[in-house]
Amino acid sequence: MAQQEFDVKKARPIIILAIGIFLLILFARSTFIILQPTERGVVFKKYTSGLDVNNIKKEGLNIVAPWNDVIIYDIAEQQIEEKMDVLSADGLSISLDVSIRFRPKEYEIGFLYRTFRDNYVNNLVRPELRSAVRRIIGQYTPEELYATKRKEIEDAILNSTHSVLDTNHVELRALLFRSIELPETIKNSIEGKLIADQESQKREYLQEIAEKDAAIQITQAKGKAESNRILSASLTDKILKEKGIEATLQLSKSPNTKVVVVGSGKDGMPLILGNN
């Protein structure tokens, strides 16, 4: 009996040490929190004030009171795709494949968790995206969606969705129509109209070029006619005789010229007679 009591006493420090190590490990796991680069944490003070939305823990090592919890949120950018059948302004069914990229606002994850907990994608992002797509597509015709106003429609859906997500602590990064499927008859009709419009624009362009070329030629012809008119008005008989004499003098210097008769030509102009 004494031997047994001796063994218990001897083992007591070991038991106490083991319990201490266990409590220390448990304490350390609750106190020292390591967050990855795309993770943020919000502190939940379960015995006092509850969720501390302003106390956001960043990546790396964080120290937290062991009686508090840390709710970890992934803030990495996410992408979802939604395939939808919606009605256009004239009641035609259109199949859309829309993708959206988003992420939680880093320093607002406490508010996001308080409202949607960790299911904000299905409870916020998807419903708001689908609602905006249906509402805005319903204001346009298939032709506008397929061709003439596609960018305008994308921007309208983007702005509408961004407005809602932004007030709910989510950052919208991009929105894109991946595909648009129309009834085949409508699609063929739109494509035929687009081809006709392109041909019409081409003809108008060629007509505009031809008209500009004609205008240039008319302007040049008018300029030439005006130049000739001014030149004719300036060439008097006296000037013509003077120019004729100058030309005769130049010709008289030629080795082929033999006789120059001054004043014997028509209007008193000199004559040159004889050559080799």
Protein backbone atom coordinates (compact mmCIF):
# COMPACT_ATOMS: atom_id res chain seq x y z
CA MET A 1 0.00 0.00 0.00
CA ALA A 2 2.86 2.30 0.88
CA GLN A 3 4.56 1.46 -2.40
CA GLN A 4 1.41 2.39 -4.34
CA GLU A 5 1.13 5.69 -2.48
CA PHE A 6 4.79 6.34 -3.30
CA ASP A 7 4.19 5.72 -7.02
CA VAL A 8 1.26 8.12 -7.13
CA LYS A 9 3.21 10.84 -5.45
CA LYS A 10 6.11 10.25 -7.81
CA ALA A 11 3.90 10.42 -10.89
CA ARG A 12 1.99 13.51 -9.79
CA PRO A 13 4.51 16.04 -11.18
CA ILE A 14 4.51 14.24 -14.52
CA ILE A 15 0.71 14.35 -14.66
CA ILE A 16 0.68 18.00 -13.76
CA LEU A 17 3.34 18.73 -16.39
CA ALA A 18 1.37 16.84 -19.06
CA ILE A 19 -1.80 18.75 -18.21
CA GLY A 20 0.15 22.00 -18.32
CA ILE A 21 1.61 21.20 -21.73
CA PHE A 22 -1.85 20.30 -23.03
CA LEU A 23 -3.33 23.53 -21.74
CA LEU A 24 -0.41 25.49 -23.18
CA ILE A 25 -0.92 23.96 -26.61
CA LEU A 26 -4.63 24.62 -26.43
CA PHE A 27 -3.98 28.18 -25.30
CA ALA A 28 -1.43 28.73 -28.07
CA ARG A 29 -3.76 27.47 -30.77
CA SER A 30 -6.44 29.88 -29.60
CA THR A 31 -4.06 32.78 -29.10
CA PHE A 32 -1.70 32.64 -32.07
CA ILE A 33 -3.59 32.76 -35.40
CA ILE A 34 -1.73 32.52 -38.72
CA LEU A 35 -3.58 33.87 -41.76
CA GLN A 36 -2.67 33.19 -45.38
CA PRO A 37 -2.13 36.06 -47.94
CA THR A 38 -5.73 35.86 -49.20
CA GLU A 39 -7.28 35.48 -45.74
CA ARG A 40 -8.53 38.05 -43.27
CA GLY A 41 -10.01 37.50 -39.83
CA VAL A 42 -12.70 39.25 -37.80
CA VAL A 43 -12.72 38.84 -34.01
CA PHE A 44 -15.83 37.48 -32.27
CA LYS A 45 -15.90 38.27 -28.56
CA LYS A 46 -18.39 35.63 -27.52
CA TYR A 47 -18.40 36.52 -23.82
CA THR A 48 -18.59 40.29 -24.16
CA SER A 49 -19.47 42.56 -27.11
CA GLY A 50 -19.89 39.97 -29.86
CA LEU A 51 -18.63 40.56 -33.40
CA ASP A 52 -15.94 43.24 -33.52
CA VAL A 53 -16.44 44.47 -37.10
CA ASN A 54 -13.64 47.01 -36.84
CA ASN A 55 -11.03 44.59 -35.55
CA ILE A 56 -9.78 42.98 -38.79
CA LYS A 57 -6.78 40.67 -38.62
CA LYS A 58 -4.37 40.71 -41.58
CA GLU A 59 -2.19 38.02 -43.09
CA GLY A 60 0.61 36.54 -41.03
CA LEU A 61 0.79 35.94 -37.27
CA ASN A 62 -1.94 37.48 -35.10
CA ILE A 63 -2.37 37.32 -31.33
CA VAL A 64 -5.92 36.99 -29.99
CA ALA A 65 -7.26 36.46 -26.48
CA PRO A 66 -7.87 32.71 -26.10
CA TRP A 67 -11.47 33.21 -25.02
CA ASN A 68 -12.28 35.01 -28.30
CA ASP A 69 -12.86 33.43 -31.71
CA VAL A 70 -11.50 34.53 -35.09
CA ILE A 71 -13.78 34.12 -38.11
CA ILE A 72 -11.59 33.65 -41.18
CA TYR A 73 -12.75 35.07 -44.52
CA ASP A 74 -11.25 34.37 -47.95
CA ILE A 75 -10.84 37.70 -49.78
CA ALA A 76 -9.42 36.24 -53.02
CA GLU A 77 -11.12 37.29 -56.25
CA GLN A 78 -13.86 34.89 -57.33
CA GLN A 79 -15.71 34.29 -60.59
CA ILE A 80 -19.14 32.82 -61.17
CA GLU A 81 -21.04 32.15 -64.38
CA GLU A 82 -24.79 32.38 -64.79
CA LYS A 83 -26.74 30.85 -67.67
CA MET A 84 -30.12 32.50 -68.00
CA ASP A 85 -33.18 32.66 -70.24
CA VAL A 86 -34.58 36.19 -70.28
CA LEU A 87 -37.22 38.10 -72.24
CA SER A 88 -36.40 41.07 -74.47
CA ALA A 89 -38.49 44.23 -74.82
CA ASP A 90 -40.60 42.60 -77.56
CA GLY A 91 -41.15 39.37 -75.60
CA LEU A 92 -38.61 37.12 -77.34
CA SER A 93 -36.67 34.56 -75.31
CA ILE A 94 -32.89 35.09 -75.20
CA SER A 95 -30.34 32.73 -73.67
CA LEU A 96 -27.40 34.41 -71.96
CA ASP A 97 -24.18 33.23 -70.39
CA VAL A 98 -22.90 35.96 -68.05
CA SER A 99 -19.74 35.89 -65.94
CA ILE A 100 -18.90 38.17 -63.03
CA ARG A 101 -15.69 38.69 -61.02
CA PHE A 102 -15.81 40.04 -57.46
CA ARG A 103 -14.22 39.94 -54.01
CA PRO A 104 -15.16 40.97 -50.46
CA LYS A 105 -13.96 44.37 -49.33
CA GLU A 106 -10.98 43.63 -47.14
CA TYR A 107 -11.80 45.92 -44.23
CA GLU A 108 -15.57 45.37 -44.33
CA ILE A 109 -15.72 41.59 -43.92
CA GLY A 110 -17.17 42.04 -40.42
CA PHE A 111 -20.24 43.81 -41.82
CA LEU A 112 -20.48 41.27 -44.63
CA TYR A 113 -20.38 38.36 -42.18
CA ARG A 114 -22.93 39.99 -39.88
CA THR A 115 -25.43 40.26 -42.76
CA PHE A 116 -24.77 37.15 -44.89
CA ARG A 117 -22.41 35.05 -42.75
CA ASP A 118 -20.19 33.04 -45.14
CA ASN A 119 -22.78 32.46 -47.88
CA TYR A 120 -22.84 35.91 -49.47
CA VAL A 121 -22.21 34.50 -52.97
CA ASN A 122 -25.53 32.62 -53.11
CA ASN A 123 -27.49 35.03 -50.91
CA LEU A 124 -26.27 38.29 -52.47
CA VAL A 125 -24.14 38.12 -55.62
CA ARG A 126 -26.10 35.59 -57.68
CA PRO A 127 -29.59 37.00 -56.96
CA GLU A 128 -28.55 40.58 -57.65
CA LEU A 129 -26.81 39.64 -60.89
CA ARG A 130 -29.82 37.71 -62.16
CA SER A 131 -32.20 40.50 -61.16
CA ALA A 132 -30.17 43.19 -62.94
CA VAL A 133 -29.81 41.07 -66.11
CA ARG A 134 -33.55 40.34 -66.35
CA ARG A 135 -34.59 43.92 -65.65
CA ILE A 136 -32.18 45.62 -68.07
CA ILE A 137 -32.41 43.09 -70.91
CA GLY A 138 -36.17 43.57 -70.79
CA GLN A 139 -35.67 47.17 -71.90
CA TYR A 140 -33.91 46.32 -75.21
CA THR A 141 -34.68 44.49 -78.43
CA PRO A 142 -32.73 41.40 -79.58
CA GLU A 143 -31.05 43.46 -82.33
CA GLU A 144 -29.78 46.00 -79.80
CA LEU A 145 -28.48 43.26 -77.53
CA TYR A 146 -26.86 41.24 -80.31
CA ALA A 147 -25.33 44.10 -82.28
CA THR A 148 -25.90 47.80 -81.85
CA LYS A 149 -26.05 48.35 -78.06
CA ARG A 150 -24.29 45.36 -76.53
CA LYS A 151 -21.63 47.46 -74.73
CA GLU A 152 -24.27 49.87 -73.45
CA ILE A 153 -26.29 46.97 -72.00
CA GLU A 154 -23.22 45.40 -70.38
CA ASP A 155 -22.36 48.73 -68.76
CA ALA A 156 -25.93 49.19 -67.49
CA ILE A 157 -25.95 45.74 -65.87
CA LEU A 158 -22.46 46.33 -64.46
CA ASN A 159 -23.44 49.67 -62.91
CA SER A 160 -26.68 48.33 -61.46
CA THR A 161 -25.01 45.27 -59.91
CA HIS A 162 -22.04 47.31 -58.70
CA SER A 163 -24.34 49.73 -56.88
CA VAL A 164 -26.00 46.95 -54.86
CA LEU A 165 -22.85 44.96 -54.14
CA ASP A 166 -20.89 48.06 -53.14
CA THR A 167 -23.39 48.98 -50.43
CA ASN A 168 -23.19 45.39 -49.17
CA HIS A 169 -19.39 45.35 -48.78
CA VAL A 170 -18.50 43.48 -51.99
CA GLU A 171 -16.25 44.87 -54.73
CA LEU A 172 -17.37 44.12 -58.29
CA ARG A 173 -14.34 43.79 -60.59
CA ALA A 174 -15.81 42.90 -64.01
CA LEU A 175 -18.89 41.67 -65.85
CA LEU A 176 -18.95 40.06 -69.29
CA PHE A 177 -21.43 38.46 -71.68
CA ARG A 178 -19.81 35.15 -72.58
CA SER A 179 -22.46 34.19 -75.13
CA ILE A 180 -25.82 35.37 -76.48
CA GLU A 181 -28.15 32.90 -78.17
CA LEU A 182 -31.13 34.17 -80.17
CA PRO A 183 -33.79 32.22 -82.08
CA GLU A 184 -32.25 31.24 -85.45
CA THR A 185 -34.74 33.24 -87.53
CA ILE A 186 -34.12 36.39 -85.48
CA LYS A 187 -30.35 35.90 -85.66
CA ASN A 188 -30.42 35.47 -89.47
CA SER A 189 -32.62 38.53 -89.85
CA ILE A 190 -30.29 40.67 -87.75
CA GLU A 191 -27.18 39.47 -89.57
CA GLY A 192 -28.83 40.15 -92.96
CA LYS A 193 -29.74 43.66 -91.86
CA LEU A 194 -26.21 44.28 -90.61
CA ILE A 195 -24.77 43.20 -93.97
CA ALA A 196 -27.20 45.48 -95.80
CA ASP A 197 -26.30 48.39 -93.53
CA GLN A 198 -22.60 47.80 -94.17
CA GLU A 199 -23.13 47.77 -97.95
CA SER A 200 -25.19 50.95 -97.72
CA GLN A 201 -22.49 52.66 -95.68
CA LYS A 202 -19.88 51.54 -98.22
CA ARG A 203 -21.89 53.02 -101.09
CA GLU A 204 -22.38 56.26 -99.21
CA TYR A 205 -18.66 56.43 -98.52
CA LEU A 206 -17.75 55.86 -102.18
CA GLN A 207 -20.32 58.46 -103.26
CA GLU A 208 -18.85 60.95 -100.80
CA ILE A 209 -15.33 60.32 -102.14
CA ALA A 210 -16.52 60.74 -105.74
CA GLU A 211 -18.24 64.02 -104.89
CA LYS A 212 -15.11 65.32 -103.19
CA ASP A 213 -12.97 64.36 -106.20
CA ALA A 214 -15.39 66.11 -108.55
CA ALA A 215 -15.38 69.22 -106.38
CA ILE A 216 -11.57 69.26 -106.42
CA GLN A 217 -11.48 68.96 -110.23
CA ILE A 218 -14.04 71.76 -110.63
CA THR A 219 -12.04 73.98 -108.30
CA GLN A 220 -8.84 73.26 -110.23
CA ALA A 221 -10.55 73.96 -113.58
CA LYS A 222 -11.94 77.26 -112.26
CA GLY A 223 -8.51 78.22 -110.98
CA LYS A 224 -6.89 77.44 -114.32
CA ALA A 225 -9.55 79.38 -116.25
CA GLU A 226 -9.12 82.37 -113.97
CA SER A 227 -5.35 82.18 -114.40
CA ASN A 228 -5.72 82.16 -118.20
CA ARG A 229 -8.12 85.08 -118.07
CA ILE A 230 -5.74 87.16 -116.00
CA LEU A 231 -2.82 86.24 -118.24
CA SER A 232 -4.76 87.12 -121.43
CA ALA A 233 -5.80 90.47 -119.96
CA SER A 234 -2.20 91.32 -119.13
CA LEU A 235 -0.71 90.48 -122.59
CA THR A 236 -1.14 93.75 -124.55
CA ASP A 237 0.17 94.25 -128.12
CA LYS A 238 3.10 96.24 -126.80
CA ILE A 239 4.12 93.48 -124.41
CA LEU A 240 3.75 90.84 -127.13
CA LYS A 241 6.02 92.85 -129.48
CA GLU A 242 8.58 93.28 -126.73
CA LYS A 243 8.56 89.54 -126.01
CA GLY A 244 8.84 88.84 -129.77
CA ILE A 245 11.90 91.08 -130.10
CA GLU A 246 13.55 89.38 -127.12
CA ALA A 247 12.91 85.97 -128.67
CA THR A 248 14.26 87.16 -132.03
CA LEU A 249 17.44 88.41 -130.45
CA GLN A 250 18.00 85.08 -128.80
CA LEU A 251 17.41 83.24 -132.08
CA SER A 252 19.76 85.57 -133.95
CA LYS A 253 22.60 84.34 -131.79
CA SER A 254 22.08 80.81 -133.04
CA PRO A 255 24.78 79.58 -135.54
CA ASN A 256 21.98 78.47 -137.88
CA THR A 257 20.64 81.99 -138.33
CA LYS A 258 21.80 83.92 -141.46
CA VAL A 259 19.71 87.07 -141.98
CA VAL A 260 17.62 89.07 -139.55
CA VAL A 261 15.21 91.59 -141.17
CA VAL A 262 13.98 94.10 -138.60
CA GLY A 263 10.44 95.38 -138.95
CA SER A 264 9.56 93.26 -141.98
CA GLY A 265 7.28 90.77 -140.24
CA LYS A 266 3.60 91.06 -139.50
CA ASP A 267 2.90 93.85 -137.01
CA GLY A 268 6.50 95.06 -137.47
CA MET A 269 8.05 92.01 -135.89
CA PRO A 270 11.59 90.99 -137.09
CA LEU A 271 12.09 88.12 -139.57
CA ILE A 272 14.85 85.53 -139.63
CA LEU A 273 15.81 84.25 -143.10
CA GLY A 274 18.06 81.40 -144.10
CA ASN A 275 19.58 78.48 -142.20
CA ASN A 276 22.07 75.69 -142.68
